[in-house]
Amino acid sequence: MTHHAEILAIEGPSYRRREAELTRQQCSRKRLSRKQAADNGGQQ
């Protein structure tokens, strides 16, 4: 597939990786808050 193509090496941070990490952290926080609510009987 790379025949007659130029391959570019891109340096620097990945915005896709950064977005994936932020999404993972947000999901973890939601899961934790749901667990804490369940442990407290749904009371805050």
PDB file of N, CA and C in Angstrom:
ATOM      1  N   MET A   1       0.802  -1.188   0.000  1.00  0.00           N
ATOM      2  CA  MET A   1       0.000   0.000   0.000  1.00  0.00           C
ATOM      3  C   MET A   1       0.852   1.261   0.000  1.00  0.00           C
ATOM      4  N   THR A   2       2.087   1.174   0.389  1.00  0.00           N
ATOM      5  CA  THR A   2       2.913   2.378   0.427  1.00  0.00           C
ATOM      6  C   THR A   2       3.746   2.546  -0.832  1.00  0.00           C
ATOM      7  N   HIS A   3       3.491   1.757  -1.847  1.00  0.00           N
ATOM      8  CA  HIS A   3       4.211   1.881  -3.098  1.00  0.00           C
ATOM      9  C   HIS A   3       3.861   3.223  -3.752  1.00  0.00           C
ATOM     10  N   HIS A   4       4.862   3.954  -4.186  1.00  0.00           N
ATOM     11  CA  HIS A   4       4.695   5.282  -4.792  1.00  0.00           C
ATOM     12  C   HIS A   4       4.069   6.277  -3.820  1.00  0.00           C
ATOM     13  N   ALA A   5       4.364   6.137  -2.562  1.00  0.00           N
ATOM     14  CA  ALA A   5       3.819   7.060  -1.559  1.00  0.00           C
ATOM     15  C   ALA A   5       4.960   7.621  -0.725  1.00  0.00           C
ATOM     16  N   GLU A   6       4.719   8.763  -0.162  1.00  0.00           N
ATOM     17  CA  GLU A   6       5.683   9.343   0.759  1.00  0.00           C
ATOM     18  C   GLU A   6       5.195   9.084   2.180  1.00  0.00           C
ATOM     19  N   ILE A   7       6.104   8.662   3.027  1.00  0.00           N
ATOM     20  CA  ILE A   7       5.774   8.389   4.418  1.00  0.00           C
ATOM     21  C   ILE A   7       6.289   9.545   5.263  1.00  0.00           C
ATOM     22  N   LEU A   8       5.392  10.146   6.031  1.00  0.00           N
ATOM     23  CA  LEU A   8       5.761  11.272   6.872  1.00  0.00           C
ATOM     24  C   LEU A   8       5.758  10.837   8.330  1.00  0.00           C
ATOM     25  N   ALA A   9       6.825  11.164   9.024  1.00  0.00           N
ATOM     26  CA  ALA A   9       6.887  10.900  10.462  1.00  0.00           C
ATOM     27  C   ALA A   9       6.412  12.152  11.178  1.00  0.00           C
ATOM     28  N   ILE A  10       5.320  12.045  11.921  1.00  0.00           N
ATOM     29  CA  ILE A  10       4.750  13.193  12.609  1.00  0.00           C
ATOM     30  C   ILE A  10       5.191  13.146  14.070  1.00  0.00           C
ATOM     31  N   GLU A  11       5.801  14.212  14.496  1.00  0.00           N
ATOM     32  CA  GLU A  11       6.304  14.318  15.861  1.00  0.00           C
ATOM     33  C   GLU A  11       5.315  15.117  16.711  1.00  0.00           C
ATOM     34  N   GLY A  12       5.359  14.920  18.009  1.00  0.00           N
ATOM     35  CA  GLY A  12       4.542  15.720  18.909  1.00  0.00           C
ATOM     36  C   GLY A  12       3.426  14.928  19.535  1.00  0.00           C
ATOM     37  N   PRO A  13       2.675  15.585  20.424  1.00  0.00           N
ATOM     38  CA  PRO A  13       1.589  14.906  21.135  1.00  0.00           C
ATOM     39  C   PRO A  13       0.415  14.601  20.211  1.00  0.00           C
ATOM     40  N   SER A  14      -0.279  13.545  20.517  1.00  0.00           N
ATOM     41  CA  SER A  14      -1.414  13.116  19.715  1.00  0.00           C
ATOM     42  C   SER A  14      -2.705  13.664  20.319  1.00  0.00           C
ATOM     43  N   TYR A  15      -3.478  14.392  19.513  1.00  0.00           N
ATOM     44  CA  TYR A  15      -4.736  14.908  20.033  1.00  0.00           C
ATOM     45  C   TYR A  15      -5.726  13.771  20.237  1.00  0.00           C
ATOM     46  N   ARG A  16      -5.654  12.717  19.442  1.00  0.00           N
ATOM     47  CA  ARG A  16      -6.560  11.583  19.616  1.00  0.00           C
ATOM     48  C   ARG A  16      -6.283  10.873  20.945  1.00  0.00           C
ATOM     49  N   ARG A  17      -5.022  10.722  21.269  1.00  0.00           N
ATOM     50  CA  ARG A  17      -4.665  10.090  22.542  1.00  0.00           C
ATOM     51  C   ARG A  17      -5.133  10.946  23.712  1.00  0.00           C
ATOM     52  N   ARG A  18      -4.945  12.264  23.590  1.00  0.00           N
ATOM     53  CA  ARG A  18      -5.362  13.172  24.658  1.00  0.00           C
ATOM     54  C   ARG A  18      -6.886  13.108  24.848  1.00  0.00           C
ATOM     55  N   GLU A  19      -7.640  13.126  23.757  1.00  0.00           N
ATOM     56  CA  GLU A  19      -9.103  13.038  23.845  1.00  0.00           C
ATOM     57  C   GLU A  19      -9.543  11.705  24.444  1.00  0.00           C
ATOM     58  N   ALA A  20      -8.890  10.624  24.055  1.00  0.00           N
ATOM     59  CA  ALA A  20      -9.237   9.303  24.584  1.00  0.00           C
ATOM     60  C   ALA A  20      -8.982   9.250  26.089  1.00  0.00           C
ATOM     61  N   GLU A  21      -7.903   9.833  26.539  1.00  0.00           N
ATOM     62  CA  GLU A  21      -7.577   9.854  27.964  1.00  0.00           C
ATOM     63  C   GLU A  21      -8.609  10.673  28.746  1.00  0.00           C
ATOM     64  N   LEU A  22      -9.001  11.820  28.204  1.00  0.00           N
ATOM     65  CA  LEU A  22     -10.007  12.653  28.867  1.00  0.00           C
ATOM     66  C   LEU A  22     -11.342  11.914  28.952  1.00  0.00           C
ATOM     67  N   THR A  23     -11.719  11.247  27.883  1.00  0.00           N
ATOM     68  CA  THR A  23     -12.967  10.483  27.869  1.00  0.00           C
ATOM     69  C   THR A  23     -12.920   9.362  28.893  1.00  0.00           C
ATOM     70  N   ARG A  24     -11.787   8.670  28.962  1.00  0.00           N
ATOM     71  CA  ARG A  24     -11.637   7.581  29.925  1.00  0.00           C
ATOM     72  C   ARG A  24     -11.752   8.105  31.350  1.00  0.00           C
ATOM     73  N   GLN A  25     -11.135   9.245  31.630  1.00  0.00           N
ATOM     74  CA  GLN A  25     -11.201   9.831  32.970  1.00  0.00           C
ATOM     75  C   GLN A  25     -12.626  10.232  33.325  1.00  0.00           C
ATOM     76  N   GLN A  26     -13.351  10.809  32.360  1.00  0.00           N
ATOM     77  CA  GLN A  26     -14.730  11.213  32.615  1.00  0.00           C
ATOM     78  C   GLN A  26     -15.610   9.994  32.900  1.00  0.00           C
ATOM     79  N   CYS A  27     -15.419   8.928  32.145  1.00  0.00           N
ATOM     80  CA  CYS A  27     -16.191   7.708  32.370  1.00  0.00           C
ATOM     81  C   CYS A  27     -15.885   7.118  33.739  1.00  0.00           C
ATOM     82  N   SER A  28     -14.619   7.152  34.140  1.00  0.00           N
ATOM     83  CA  SER A  28     -14.225   6.628  35.447  1.00  0.00           C
ATOM     84  C   SER A  28     -14.874   7.423  36.564  1.00  0.00           C
ATOM     85  N   ARG A  29     -14.931   8.752  36.414  1.00  0.00           N
ATOM     86  CA  ARG A  29     -15.555   9.605  37.433  1.00  0.00           C
ATOM     87  C   ARG A  29     -17.050   9.309  37.540  1.00  0.00           C
ATOM     88  N   LYS A  30     -17.707   9.136  36.396  1.00  0.00           N
ATOM     89  CA  LYS A  30     -19.139   8.834  36.400  1.00  0.00           C
ATOM     90  C   LYS A  30     -19.396   7.503  37.100  1.00  0.00           C
ATOM     91  N   ARG A  31     -18.575   6.489  36.767  1.00  0.00           N
ATOM     92  CA  ARG A  31     -18.728   5.174  37.379  1.00  0.00           C
ATOM     93  C   ARG A  31     -18.532   5.266  38.885  1.00  0.00           C
ATOM     94  N   LEU A  32     -17.524   6.013  39.310  1.00  0.00           N
ATOM     95  CA  LEU A  32     -17.227   6.154  40.734  1.00  0.00           C
ATOM     96  C   LEU A  32     -18.374   6.859  41.454  1.00  0.00           C
ATOM     97  N   SER A  33     -18.911   7.932  40.854  1.00  0.00           N
ATOM     98  CA  SER A  33     -19.997   8.649  41.519  1.00  0.00           C
ATOM     99  C   SER A  33     -21.255   7.791  41.593  1.00  0.00           C
ATOM    100  N   ARG A  34     -21.514   6.966  40.561  1.00  0.00           N
ATOM    101  CA  ARG A  34     -22.662   6.065  40.599  1.00  0.00           C
ATOM    102  C   ARG A  34     -22.490   5.024  41.706  1.00  0.00           C
ATOM    103  N   LYS A  35     -21.262   4.514  41.836  1.00  0.00           N
ATOM    104  CA  LYS A  35     -20.987   3.508  42.873  1.00  0.00           C
ATOM    105  C   LYS A  35     -21.155   4.120  44.252  1.00  0.00           C
ATOM    106  N   GLN A  36     -20.670   5.327  44.439  1.00  0.00           N
ATOM    107  CA  GLN A  36     -20.784   5.980  45.733  1.00  0.00           C
ATOM    108  C   GLN A  36     -22.266   6.238  46.057  1.00  0.00           C
ATOM    109  N   ALA A  37     -23.046   6.636  45.069  1.00  0.00           N
ATOM    110  CA  ALA A  37     -24.479   6.876  45.284  1.00  0.00           C
ATOM    111  C   ALA A  37     -25.169   5.579  45.675  1.00  0.00           C
ATOM    112  N   ALA A  38     -24.813   4.478  45.023  1.00  0.00           N
ATOM    113  CA  ALA A  38     -25.419   3.189  45.338  1.00  0.00           C
ATOM    114  C   ALA A  38     -25.021   2.747  46.746  1.00  0.00           C
ATOM    115  N   ASP A  39     -23.767   2.992  47.117  1.00  0.00           N
ATOM    116  CA  ASP A  39     -23.293   2.607  48.456  1.00  0.00           C
ATOM    117  C   ASP A  39     -23.991   3.416  49.540  1.00  0.00           C
ATOM    118  N   ASN A  40     -24.413   4.647  49.198  1.00  0.00           N
ATOM    119  CA  ASN A  40     -25.093   5.516  50.164  1.00  0.00           C
ATOM    120  C   ASN A  40     -26.610   5.352  50.105  1.00  0.00           C
ATOM    121  N   GLY A  41     -27.072   4.382  49.395  1.00  0.00           N
ATOM    122  CA  GLY A  41     -28.506   4.143  49.289  1.00  0.00           C
ATOM    123  C   GLY A  41     -29.212   5.151  48.403  1.00  0.00           C
ATOM    124  N   GLY A  42     -28.452   5.778  47.497  1.00  0.00           N
ATOM    125  CA  GLY A  42     -29.040   6.756  46.598  1.00  0.00           C
ATOM    126  C   GLY A  42     -29.162   8.137  47.197  1.00  0.00           C
ATOM    127  N   GLN A  43     -28.698   8.318  48.438  1.00  0.00           N
ATOM    128  CA  GLN A  43     -28.765   9.625  49.088  1.00  0.00           C
ATOM    129  C   GLN A  43     -27.447  10.335  48.914  1.00  0.00           C
ATOM    130  N   GLN A  44     -27.518  11.658  48.768  1.00  0.00           N
ATOM    131  CA  GLN A  44     -26.286  12.452  48.619  1.00  0.00           C
ATOM    132  C   GLN A  44     -26.014  13.259  49.854  1.00  0.00           C
TER     133      GLN A  44
END
